[in-house]
């Protein structure tokens, strides 16, 4: 038992951080949706999008990892995440003239 915990402490710590971050995110999204006067349906879709993405990722990523390797998959998704952030900033500047 001690050997199992010694070899997998990083996995448990990472999952703990993910769970803590989701707790903060869900609290913030719920409060912000009330402040912005979103409908209950829109708030429900927005809050359930996390779980839909988690399910899709959990079902598709193992196939990608087995085909091309974990380093290339990580690099591709890190690049995609930075591209989404830059694209969002570009859209905000284009639509409103500021961010």
N, C-alpha and C. Protein backbone atom coordinates (compact mmCIF):
# COMPACT_ATOMS: atom_id res chain seq x y z
N UNK A 1 0.83 -1.20 0.00
CA UNK A 1 0.00 0.00 0.00
C UNK A 1 0.86 1.25 0.00
N UNK A 2 1.94 1.22 0.79
CA UNK A 2 2.81 2.39 0.88
C UNK A 2 3.50 2.65 -0.46
N UNK A 3 3.87 1.56 -1.17
CA UNK A 3 4.52 1.71 -2.47
C UNK A 3 3.57 2.31 -3.50
N UNK A 4 2.30 1.93 -3.44
CA UNK A 4 1.31 2.47 -4.37
C UNK A 4 1.14 3.97 -4.15
N UNK A 5 1.04 4.39 -2.91
CA UNK A 5 0.90 5.82 -2.62
C UNK A 5 2.16 6.59 -2.98
N UNK A 6 3.31 5.97 -2.78
CA UNK A 6 4.57 6.63 -3.11
C UNK A 6 4.69 6.85 -4.62
N UNK A 7 4.19 5.90 -5.40
CA UNK A 7 4.30 6.02 -6.85
C UNK A 7 3.20 6.86 -7.48
N UNK A 8 2.10 7.10 -6.77
CA UNK A 8 0.98 7.81 -7.39
C UNK A 8 0.57 9.07 -6.65
N UNK A 9 1.41 9.62 -5.81
CA UNK A 9 1.04 10.82 -5.05
C UNK A 9 0.82 12.01 -5.99
N UNK A 10 1.59 12.09 -7.08
CA UNK A 10 1.44 13.22 -7.99
C UNK A 10 0.08 13.18 -8.70
N UNK A 11 -0.36 11.98 -9.03
CA UNK A 11 -1.67 11.83 -9.66
C UNK A 11 -2.78 12.29 -8.72
N UNK A 12 -2.72 11.86 -7.47
CA UNK A 12 -3.74 12.27 -6.51
C UNK A 12 -3.68 13.76 -6.22
N UNK A 13 -2.49 14.33 -6.15
CA UNK A 13 -2.36 15.77 -5.93
C UNK A 13 -2.93 16.56 -7.11
N UNK A 14 -2.63 16.11 -8.33
CA UNK A 14 -3.17 16.77 -9.52
C UNK A 14 -4.68 16.70 -9.58
N UNK A 15 -5.24 15.54 -9.28
CA UNK A 15 -6.71 15.42 -9.27
C UNK A 15 -7.32 16.28 -8.16
N UNK A 16 -6.64 16.38 -7.04
CA UNK A 16 -7.13 17.26 -5.97
C UNK A 16 -7.16 18.71 -6.41
N UNK A 17 -6.11 19.15 -7.13
CA UNK A 17 -6.10 20.52 -7.64
C UNK A 17 -7.20 20.75 -8.67
N UNK A 18 -7.44 19.74 -9.55
CA UNK A 18 -8.52 19.87 -10.53
C UNK A 18 -9.87 19.99 -9.85
N UNK A 19 -10.10 19.18 -8.84
CA UNK A 19 -11.38 19.23 -8.13
C UNK A 19 -11.55 20.56 -7.39
N UNK A 20 -10.48 21.06 -6.79
CA UNK A 20 -10.54 22.34 -6.09
C UNK A 20 -10.80 23.49 -7.09
N UNK A 21 -10.14 23.44 -8.24
CA UNK A 21 -10.34 24.48 -9.26
C UNK A 21 -11.76 24.46 -9.79
N UNK A 22 -12.33 23.26 -9.99
CA UNK A 22 -13.71 23.21 -10.45
C UNK A 22 -14.66 23.76 -9.39
N UNK A 23 -14.39 23.51 -8.13
CA UNK A 23 -15.22 24.08 -7.07
C UNK A 23 -15.22 25.59 -7.10
N UNK A 24 -14.03 26.18 -7.28
CA UNK A 24 -13.95 27.64 -7.39
C UNK A 24 -14.65 28.14 -8.65
N UNK A 25 -14.45 27.42 -9.77
CA UNK A 25 -15.04 27.84 -11.04
C UNK A 25 -16.56 27.78 -10.99
N UNK A 26 -17.11 26.72 -10.44
CA UNK A 26 -18.57 26.61 -10.41
C UNK A 26 -19.19 27.66 -9.51
N UNK A 27 -18.53 27.98 -8.40
CA UNK A 27 -19.05 29.04 -7.54
C UNK A 27 -19.01 30.38 -8.24
N UNK A 28 -17.91 30.65 -8.91
CA UNK A 28 -17.76 31.93 -9.61
C UNK A 28 -18.74 32.05 -10.77
N UNK A 29 -18.92 30.98 -11.54
CA UNK A 29 -19.84 31.04 -12.67
C UNK A 29 -21.29 31.25 -12.23
N UNK A 30 -21.67 30.58 -11.15
CA UNK A 30 -23.03 30.75 -10.65
C UNK A 30 -23.31 32.16 -10.17
N UNK A 31 -22.37 32.73 -9.43
CA UNK A 31 -22.54 34.09 -8.93
C UNK A 31 -22.53 35.09 -10.07
N UNK A 32 -21.61 34.89 -11.00
CA UNK A 32 -21.51 35.82 -12.14
C UNK A 32 -22.74 35.75 -13.03
N UNK A 33 -23.31 34.56 -13.20
CA UNK A 33 -24.52 34.42 -14.02
C UNK A 33 -25.69 35.16 -13.39
N UNK A 34 -25.79 35.15 -12.08
CA UNK A 34 -26.85 35.90 -11.40
C UNK A 34 -26.64 37.40 -11.57
N UNK A 35 -25.39 37.85 -11.46
CA UNK A 35 -25.09 39.28 -11.62
C UNK A 35 -25.40 39.77 -13.03
N UNK A 36 -25.18 38.93 -14.02
CA UNK A 36 -25.40 39.33 -15.42
C UNK A 36 -26.82 39.05 -15.90
N UNK A 37 -27.70 38.58 -15.01
CA UNK A 37 -29.11 38.29 -15.32
C UNK A 37 -29.29 37.27 -16.44
N UNK A 38 -28.49 36.18 -16.39
CA UNK A 38 -28.69 35.08 -17.34
C UNK A 38 -29.93 34.31 -16.95
N UNK A 39 -30.57 33.69 -17.93
CA UNK A 39 -31.71 32.84 -17.63
C UNK A 39 -31.23 31.55 -16.97
N UNK A 40 -32.16 30.85 -16.33
CA UNK A 40 -31.78 29.60 -15.68
C UNK A 40 -31.34 28.55 -16.69
N UNK A 41 -31.95 28.56 -17.88
CA UNK A 41 -31.56 27.61 -18.91
C UNK A 41 -30.14 27.87 -19.40
N UNK A 42 -29.81 29.12 -19.65
CA UNK A 42 -28.46 29.47 -20.10
C UNK A 42 -27.43 29.14 -19.03
N UNK A 43 -27.77 29.40 -17.78
CA UNK A 43 -26.85 29.08 -16.69
C UNK A 43 -26.67 27.57 -16.57
N UNK A 44 -27.72 26.81 -16.75
CA UNK A 44 -27.62 25.35 -16.69
C UNK A 44 -26.75 24.79 -17.80
N UNK A 45 -26.91 25.30 -19.03
CA UNK A 45 -26.07 24.85 -20.14
C UNK A 45 -24.61 25.22 -19.90
N UNK A 46 -24.40 26.42 -19.38
CA UNK A 46 -23.04 26.87 -19.14
C UNK A 46 -22.37 26.03 -18.05
N UNK A 47 -23.11 25.71 -16.99
CA UNK A 47 -22.53 24.94 -15.90
C UNK A 47 -22.33 23.47 -16.29
N UNK A 48 -23.17 22.92 -17.15
CA UNK A 48 -23.02 21.52 -17.54
C UNK A 48 -22.01 21.34 -18.67
N UNK A 49 -21.57 22.40 -19.28
CA UNK A 49 -20.57 22.30 -20.33
C UNK A 49 -19.26 21.72 -19.85
N UNK A 50 -18.91 21.94 -18.59
CA UNK A 50 -17.69 21.38 -18.02
C UNK A 50 -17.74 19.87 -18.05
N UNK A 51 -18.85 19.31 -17.64
CA UNK A 51 -18.96 17.85 -17.59
C UNK A 51 -19.05 17.24 -18.97
N UNK A 52 -19.68 17.93 -19.91
CA UNK A 52 -19.72 17.44 -21.29
C UNK A 52 -18.31 17.40 -21.87
N UNK A 53 -17.54 18.45 -21.66
CA UNK A 53 -16.16 18.47 -22.12
C UNK A 53 -15.29 17.44 -21.44
N UNK A 54 -15.52 17.24 -20.15
CA UNK A 54 -14.77 16.23 -19.40
C UNK A 54 -15.07 14.84 -19.95
N UNK A 55 -16.33 14.56 -20.27
CA UNK A 55 -16.71 13.26 -20.82
C UNK A 55 -16.12 13.05 -22.20
N UNK A 56 -16.22 14.06 -23.06
CA UNK A 56 -15.68 13.94 -24.41
C UNK A 56 -14.16 13.75 -24.37
N UNK A 57 -13.50 14.51 -23.51
CA UNK A 57 -12.06 14.36 -23.39
C UNK A 57 -11.65 12.99 -22.86
N UNK A 58 -12.38 12.51 -21.86
CA UNK A 58 -12.04 11.21 -21.29
C UNK A 58 -12.29 10.07 -22.25
N UNK A 59 -13.18 10.25 -23.20
CA UNK A 59 -13.46 9.17 -24.14
C UNK A 59 -12.62 9.25 -25.41
N UNK A 60 -12.10 10.42 -25.77
CA UNK A 60 -11.34 10.54 -27.02
C UNK A 60 -9.83 10.64 -26.84
N UNK A 61 -9.37 11.18 -25.74
CA UNK A 61 -7.94 11.41 -25.55
C UNK A 61 -7.12 10.12 -25.48
N UNK A 62 -7.59 9.05 -24.83
CA UNK A 62 -6.78 7.82 -24.83
C UNK A 62 -6.46 7.29 -26.23
N UNK A 63 -7.38 7.43 -27.16
CA UNK A 63 -7.10 7.02 -28.54
C UNK A 63 -6.03 7.88 -29.18
N UNK A 64 -6.07 9.17 -28.93
CA UNK A 64 -5.03 10.06 -29.46
C UNK A 64 -3.67 9.74 -28.86
N UNK A 65 -3.64 9.49 -27.56
CA UNK A 65 -2.38 9.19 -26.90
C UNK A 65 -1.79 7.89 -27.43
N UNK A 66 -2.61 6.89 -27.67
CA UNK A 66 -2.09 5.62 -28.18
C UNK A 66 -1.59 5.75 -29.61
N UNK A 67 -2.16 6.68 -30.40
CA UNK A 67 -1.71 6.84 -31.79
C UNK A 67 -0.44 7.66 -31.91
N UNK A 68 -0.36 8.82 -31.21
CA UNK A 68 0.77 9.73 -31.45
C UNK A 68 1.65 9.95 -30.23
N UNK A 69 1.25 9.53 -29.06
CA UNK A 69 2.08 9.71 -27.87
C UNK A 69 1.62 10.86 -27.00
N UNK A 70 1.95 10.74 -25.71
CA UNK A 70 1.43 11.73 -24.75
C UNK A 70 2.09 13.09 -24.89
N UNK A 71 3.33 13.15 -25.32
CA UNK A 71 4.01 14.44 -25.43
C UNK A 71 3.42 15.27 -26.58
N UNK A 72 3.15 14.63 -27.70
CA UNK A 72 2.57 15.35 -28.83
C UNK A 72 1.14 15.78 -28.55
N UNK A 73 0.39 14.95 -27.85
CA UNK A 73 -0.98 15.32 -27.49
C UNK A 73 -0.97 16.50 -26.53
N UNK A 74 -0.08 16.47 -25.53
CA UNK A 74 0.02 17.59 -24.60
C UNK A 74 0.41 18.87 -25.33
N UNK A 75 1.40 18.78 -26.23
CA UNK A 75 1.84 19.97 -26.98
C UNK A 75 0.71 20.51 -27.85
N UNK A 76 -0.03 19.63 -28.48
CA UNK A 76 -1.13 20.08 -29.34
C UNK A 76 -2.22 20.78 -28.54
N UNK A 77 -2.59 20.22 -27.40
CA UNK A 77 -3.66 20.85 -26.62
C UNK A 77 -3.18 22.10 -25.89
N UNK A 78 -1.91 22.16 -25.52
CA UNK A 78 -1.38 23.40 -24.95
C UNK A 78 -1.39 24.51 -25.99
N UNK A 79 -1.03 24.18 -27.22
CA UNK A 79 -1.09 25.16 -28.30
C UNK A 79 -2.52 25.59 -28.59
N UNK A 80 -3.43 24.63 -28.56
CA UNK A 80 -4.84 24.96 -28.79
C UNK A 80 -5.39 25.87 -27.69
N UNK A 81 -5.00 25.61 -26.45
CA UNK A 81 -5.47 26.46 -25.34
C UNK A 81 -4.95 27.89 -25.48
N UNK A 82 -3.68 28.05 -25.85
CA UNK A 82 -3.15 29.40 -26.02
C UNK A 82 -3.79 30.10 -27.23
N UNK A 83 -4.09 29.33 -28.27
CA UNK A 83 -4.75 29.90 -29.44
C UNK A 83 -6.16 30.40 -29.10
N UNK A 84 -6.89 29.65 -28.30
CA UNK A 84 -8.24 30.06 -27.90
C UNK A 84 -8.19 31.34 -27.08
N UNK A 85 -7.22 31.46 -26.19
CA UNK A 85 -7.09 32.68 -25.39
C UNK A 85 -6.78 33.87 -26.28
N UNK A 86 -5.85 33.71 -27.21
CA UNK A 86 -5.53 34.82 -28.12
C UNK A 86 -6.69 35.17 -29.03
N UNK A 87 -7.42 34.18 -29.51
CA UNK A 87 -8.56 34.43 -30.37
C UNK A 87 -9.67 35.16 -29.61
N UNK A 88 -9.89 34.79 -28.35
CA UNK A 88 -10.89 35.47 -27.54
C UNK A 88 -10.51 36.93 -27.32
N UNK A 89 -9.25 37.19 -27.04
CA UNK A 89 -8.79 38.56 -26.89
C UNK A 89 -8.95 39.34 -28.18
N UNK A 90 -8.63 38.72 -29.30
CA UNK A 90 -8.79 39.37 -30.59
C UNK A 90 -10.25 39.72 -30.86
N UNK A 91 -11.16 38.80 -30.55
CA UNK A 91 -12.59 39.08 -30.76
C UNK A 91 -13.08 40.22 -29.87
N UNK A 92 -12.62 40.26 -28.62
CA UNK A 92 -13.03 41.34 -27.73
C UNK A 92 -12.54 42.69 -28.23
N UNK A 93 -11.30 42.73 -28.71
CA UNK A 93 -10.78 43.99 -29.24
C UNK A 93 -11.52 44.37 -30.52
N UNK A 94 -11.82 43.39 -31.36
CA UNK A 94 -12.51 43.67 -32.61
C UNK A 94 -13.95 44.13 -32.37
N UNK A 95 -14.63 43.52 -31.41
CA UNK A 95 -16.04 43.85 -31.17
C UNK A 95 -16.21 45.13 -30.36
N UNK A 96 -15.39 45.33 -29.35
CA UNK A 96 -15.61 46.44 -28.43
C UNK A 96 -14.52 47.50 -28.48
N UNK A 97 -13.42 47.21 -29.12
CA UNK A 97 -12.33 48.18 -29.20
C UNK A 97 -11.43 48.16 -27.98
N UNK A 98 -11.73 47.34 -27.02
CA UNK A 98 -10.92 47.20 -25.82
C UNK A 98 -11.20 45.84 -25.22
N UNK A 99 -10.54 45.51 -24.15
CA UNK A 99 -10.81 44.26 -23.47
C UNK A 99 -10.99 44.53 -22.04
